[in-house]
Amino acid sequence: MKKVIAVFILGLVAGAVLGAQQVMSLTPERESQIVAQLGSKQVIIIVAMLQTAVMAGIATIVGSWASPKVGLNKPFIYNRKSIVAAVVIGLVSASFIVIPEKLVFAEALGIGEKFEFSWLYFLGSVLYGGIIEEILLRFGFMTLIIWIFSKMTKSANSNGIYIAGIVIAALLFAAGHLPATAQMLGLSPVSVIRTLLLNFLPGIGFGYLYWKHGLAYAMLGHISTHVISQWILLPLLFN
């Protein structure tokens, strides 16, 4: 219960940051619509807080129940090999996201050439992306999928069910970025391919970390992706 409460509180904080990002990105027209409908644009922040906290809490309950049944309840243990694996996957993921963005998608989608660092966006990337998304998609969803497959196949130790769970969770992870893409770039064949492609393979890496090293290292790999991309690769390639 303490774990669920802690995650719920973290979800409120992450949701507040996410909601603040959404408010700051509103166009004047969209802001006027929201104020007319809801009375205040700050309602977006409240909704994001509650939605994130509730979903993270549910995922924590599901993961806490199902993970011991399929061997995914690895406790956090300081391990240099796991740290190296997480940072390497973070580096590969960041490179896979930023380099194709520069070489292929920036021109095709008219994305601005200059990267401007934002502490609010970075904080949201770490709290929501690096922590909450791993709780939702790996600890909650991926664990549940693997448990269901283990019941269907009557085999809890088959590598195949873990690989299937990783792939399905990565697909959902990639698809989950489409609403943000629609808001920023609109939905076109190129923008959809970009979003699915650039998020699917990192999702595979984070799922692997969760399977082999535990949830904390999946979070570390995800956070490393954002640190490397926003502190190194984006400033270097989009200057």
Protein backbone atom coordinates (compact mmCIF):
# COMPACT_ATOMS: atom_id res chain seq x y z
CA MET A 1 0.00 0.00 0.00
CA LYS A 2 2.88 2.36 0.77
CA LYS A 3 4.26 1.76 -2.72
CA VAL A 4 0.92 2.64 -4.32
CA ILE A 5 0.62 5.83 -2.25
CA ALA A 6 4.19 6.87 -3.14
CA VAL A 7 3.54 6.27 -6.85
CA PHE A 8 0.22 8.13 -6.64
CA ILE A 9 1.97 11.18 -5.17
CA LEU A 10 4.72 10.94 -7.80
CA GLY A 11 1.99 10.73 -10.44
CA LEU A 12 0.45 13.95 -9.14
CA VAL A 13 3.81 15.72 -9.45
CA ALA A 14 4.58 14.30 -12.89
CA GLY A 15 1.05 15.09 -14.05
CA ALA A 16 1.39 18.68 -12.87
CA VAL A 17 4.57 19.10 -14.93
CA LEU A 18 2.94 17.44 -17.94
CA GLY A 19 -0.14 19.64 -17.60
CA ALA A 20 2.02 22.76 -17.34
CA GLN A 21 3.74 21.77 -20.59
CA GLN A 22 0.37 21.34 -22.28
CA VAL A 23 -0.81 24.74 -21.05
CA MET A 24 2.35 26.45 -22.30
CA SER A 25 2.00 24.86 -25.74
CA LEU A 26 -1.60 26.01 -26.28
CA THR A 27 -2.29 28.20 -29.28
CA PRO A 28 -4.32 31.36 -28.55
CA GLU A 29 -7.31 29.85 -30.35
CA ARG A 30 -7.15 26.59 -28.41
CA GLU A 31 -6.67 28.45 -25.15
CA SER A 32 -9.81 30.50 -25.81
CA GLN A 33 -11.77 27.32 -26.54
CA ILE A 34 -10.63 25.66 -23.32
CA VAL A 35 -11.37 28.73 -21.19
CA ALA A 36 -14.85 28.94 -22.75
CA GLN A 37 -15.51 25.23 -22.11
CA LEU A 38 -13.83 24.69 -18.75
CA GLY A 39 -13.57 28.17 -17.27
CA SER A 40 -9.81 28.09 -16.87
CA LYS A 41 -6.83 26.61 -18.67
CA GLN A 42 -5.47 25.48 -15.27
CA VAL A 43 -8.09 22.71 -15.34
CA ILE A 44 -5.77 20.96 -17.80
CA ILE A 45 -3.15 20.67 -15.07
CA ILE A 46 -5.64 19.25 -12.56
CA VAL A 47 -6.90 16.68 -15.08
CA ALA A 48 -3.34 15.66 -16.02
CA MET A 49 -2.43 15.28 -12.33
CA LEU A 50 -5.41 13.08 -11.48
CA GLN A 51 -5.22 11.02 -14.65
CA THR A 52 -1.50 10.34 -14.28
CA ALA A 53 -1.74 9.52 -10.57
CA VAL A 54 -4.70 7.15 -10.97
CA MET A 55 -3.20 5.31 -13.94
CA ALA A 56 0.18 4.96 -12.23
CA GLY A 57 -1.50 3.72 -9.06
CA ILE A 58 -3.48 1.08 -10.96
CA ALA A 59 -0.36 -0.02 -12.87
CA THR A 60 1.51 -0.36 -9.57
CA ILE A 61 -1.22 -2.55 -8.11
CA VAL A 62 -1.26 -4.73 -11.24
CA GLY A 63 2.52 -4.98 -11.41
CA SER A 64 2.89 -5.73 -7.71
CA TRP A 65 0.39 -8.56 -8.04
CA ALA A 66 1.56 -10.06 -11.34
CA SER A 67 5.35 -9.54 -11.32
CA PRO A 68 6.12 -12.22 -8.67
CA LYS A 69 4.10 -14.73 -10.70
CA VAL A 70 6.32 -14.32 -13.77
CA GLY A 71 9.69 -13.57 -12.17
CA LEU A 72 9.71 -9.85 -12.90
CA ASN A 73 9.82 -8.67 -9.29
CA LYS A 74 13.59 -8.19 -9.19
CA PRO A 75 14.58 -6.04 -6.19
CA PHE A 76 16.87 -3.10 -6.83
CA ILE A 77 20.48 -4.13 -6.32
CA TYR A 78 23.41 -1.88 -7.18
CA ASN A 79 25.13 -3.59 -10.08
CA ARG A 80 27.75 -2.03 -12.35
CA LYS A 81 26.86 -4.27 -15.29
CA SER A 82 23.22 -3.25 -15.02
CA ILE A 83 24.16 0.42 -14.85
CA VAL A 84 26.37 0.06 -17.92
CA ALA A 85 23.59 -1.80 -19.77
CA ALA A 86 21.09 0.95 -18.91
CA VAL A 87 23.39 3.78 -19.98
CA VAL A 88 24.38 2.00 -23.21
CA ILE A 89 20.74 1.40 -24.10
CA GLY A 90 20.05 5.04 -23.23
CA LEU A 91 22.85 6.15 -25.57
CA VAL A 92 21.69 3.89 -28.39
CA SER A 93 18.06 4.99 -27.92
CA ALA A 94 18.96 8.69 -27.87
CA SER A 95 21.07 8.26 -31.00
CA PHE A 96 18.31 6.35 -32.74
CA ILE A 97 15.86 9.13 -31.95
CA VAL A 98 17.95 12.25 -32.62
CA ILE A 99 20.11 11.25 -35.61
CA PRO A 100 17.21 10.17 -37.90
CA GLU A 101 15.35 13.27 -36.71
CA LYS A 102 18.22 15.39 -38.01
CA LEU A 103 18.99 13.48 -41.20
CA VAL A 104 15.48 12.50 -42.33
CA PHE A 105 12.50 13.90 -40.48
CA ALA A 106 13.50 17.49 -39.68
CA GLU A 107 13.38 18.57 -43.31
CA ALA A 108 10.42 16.37 -44.22
CA LEU A 109 8.29 17.75 -41.38
CA GLY A 110 9.66 21.27 -41.22
CA ILE A 111 10.99 20.84 -37.69
CA GLY A 112 13.01 23.81 -36.47
CA GLU A 113 16.78 23.54 -36.86
CA LYS A 114 17.67 25.08 -33.49
CA PHE A 115 17.13 23.20 -30.22
CA GLU A 116 16.18 25.27 -27.20
CA PHE A 117 16.63 23.51 -23.89
CA SER A 118 13.71 23.75 -21.43
CA TRP A 119 14.01 22.75 -17.80
CA LEU A 120 10.25 22.20 -17.63
CA TYR A 121 10.31 19.87 -20.63
CA PHE A 122 13.38 18.06 -19.27
CA LEU A 123 11.77 17.60 -15.86
CA GLY A 124 8.64 16.24 -17.53
CA SER A 125 10.77 13.88 -19.62
CA VAL A 126 12.44 12.49 -16.51
CA LEU A 127 9.42 12.30 -14.20
CA TYR A 128 6.72 11.29 -16.66
CA GLY A 129 8.79 9.65 -19.41
CA GLY A 130 11.54 8.05 -17.40
CA ILE A 131 9.54 6.97 -14.35
CA ILE A 132 5.77 7.05 -14.89
CA GLU A 133 5.87 5.56 -18.41
CA GLU A 134 8.00 2.68 -17.14
CA ILE A 135 5.53 2.04 -14.32
CA LEU A 136 2.61 2.13 -16.76
CA LEU A 137 4.04 0.26 -19.72
CA ARG A 138 6.62 -2.10 -18.29
CA PHE A 139 5.65 -2.74 -14.65
CA GLY A 140 1.91 -2.64 -15.30
CA PHE A 141 1.10 -3.49 -18.93
CA MET A 142 4.07 -5.65 -19.97
CA THR A 143 3.92 -7.67 -16.75
CA LEU A 144 0.20 -8.29 -17.18
CA ILE A 145 0.62 -9.34 -20.83
CA ILE A 146 3.37 -11.79 -19.89
CA TRP A 147 1.25 -13.22 -17.08
CA ILE A 148 -1.68 -13.70 -19.49
CA PHE A 149 0.60 -15.41 -22.03
CA SER A 150 2.04 -17.64 -19.31
CA LYS A 151 -1.48 -18.78 -18.45
CA MET A 152 -2.41 -19.31 -22.10
CA THR A 153 0.73 -21.30 -22.88
CA LYS A 154 1.03 -22.86 -19.40
CA SER A 155 4.69 -21.90 -19.41
CA ALA A 156 6.08 -19.19 -17.15
CA ASN A 157 9.71 -19.65 -18.17
CA SER A 158 9.58 -19.44 -21.96
CA ASN A 159 11.69 -16.64 -23.44
CA GLY A 160 9.05 -16.26 -26.15
CA ILE A 161 6.39 -14.90 -23.82
CA TYR A 162 8.80 -12.30 -22.45
CA ILE A 163 9.87 -11.23 -25.94
CA ALA A 164 6.21 -11.00 -27.00
CA GLY A 165 5.44 -8.89 -23.93
CA ILE A 166 8.38 -6.59 -24.66
CA VAL A 167 7.29 -6.10 -28.28
CA ILE A 168 3.62 -5.46 -27.47
CA ALA A 169 4.51 -2.99 -24.72
CA ALA A 170 6.95 -1.23 -27.07
CA LEU A 171 4.22 -0.93 -29.72
CA LEU A 172 1.87 0.62 -27.17
CA PHE A 173 4.69 2.86 -25.95
CA ALA A 174 5.24 4.11 -29.52
CA ALA A 175 1.53 4.56 -30.24
CA GLY A 176 1.12 6.44 -26.97
CA HIS A 177 3.24 9.27 -28.39
CA LEU A 178 0.85 9.88 -31.31
CA PRO A 179 -1.42 12.35 -29.45
CA ALA A 180 1.56 14.59 -28.71
CA THR A 181 2.66 14.26 -32.32
CA ALA A 182 -0.82 15.26 -33.49
CA GLN A 183 -0.69 18.36 -31.32
CA MET A 184 2.81 19.44 -32.41
CA LEU A 185 3.07 18.28 -36.03
CA GLY A 186 -0.32 17.01 -37.07
CA LEU A 187 -0.89 13.45 -38.22
CA SER A 188 0.48 12.57 -41.64
CA PRO A 189 2.04 9.36 -42.95
CA VAL A 190 5.53 10.79 -42.33
CA SER A 191 4.80 12.06 -38.81
CA VAL A 192 3.12 8.77 -37.83
CA ILE A 193 6.02 6.70 -39.18
CA ARG A 194 8.47 8.97 -37.38
CA THR A 195 6.67 8.63 -34.05
CA LEU A 196 6.21 4.87 -34.23
CA LEU A 197 9.71 4.15 -35.50
CA LEU A 198 11.66 6.43 -33.19
CA ASN A 199 9.84 5.20 -30.07
CA PHE A 200 9.40 1.49 -30.82
CA LEU A 201 13.06 0.44 -30.71
CA PRO A 202 13.84 2.39 -27.51
CA GLY A 203 10.77 0.68 -26.02
CA ILE A 204 12.34 -2.68 -26.89
CA GLY A 205 15.48 -1.64 -25.05
CA PHE A 206 13.60 -0.51 -21.94
CA GLY A 207 11.58 -3.74 -21.94
CA TYR A 208 14.78 -5.76 -22.13
CA LEU A 209 16.21 -3.86 -19.17
CA TYR A 210 13.06 -4.53 -17.16
CA TRP A 211 13.18 -8.24 -18.00
CA LYS A 212 16.85 -8.84 -17.35
CA HIS A 213 17.82 -6.16 -14.81
CA GLY A 214 14.64 -4.91 -13.12
CA LEU A 215 12.33 -1.91 -13.20
CA ALA A 216 14.83 0.54 -11.67
CA TYR A 217 17.29 -0.08 -14.50
CA ALA A 218 14.55 0.28 -17.13
CA MET A 219 13.87 3.69 -15.58
CA LEU A 220 17.59 4.49 -15.61
CA GLY A 221 17.82 3.56 -19.30
CA HIS A 222 14.80 5.71 -20.13
CA ILE A 223 16.10 8.66 -18.11
CA SER A 224 19.55 8.26 -19.72
CA THR A 225 17.90 8.54 -23.13
CA HIS A 226 16.46 11.94 -22.24
CA VAL A 227 19.64 13.17 -20.57
CA ILE A 228 21.86 12.19 -23.51
CA SER A 229 19.45 13.50 -26.14
CA GLN A 230 18.63 16.83 -24.46
CA TRP A 231 22.03 17.60 -22.96
CA ILE A 232 24.32 16.30 -25.72
CA LEU A 233 22.86 15.19 -29.05
CA LEU A 234 20.10 17.76 -29.64
CA PRO A 235 22.35 20.76 -28.76
CA LEU A 236 25.10 19.26 -30.92
CA LEU A 237 23.01 18.47 -34.01
CA PHE A 238 20.35 21.19 -33.77
CA ASN A 239 22.49 24.25 -33.00
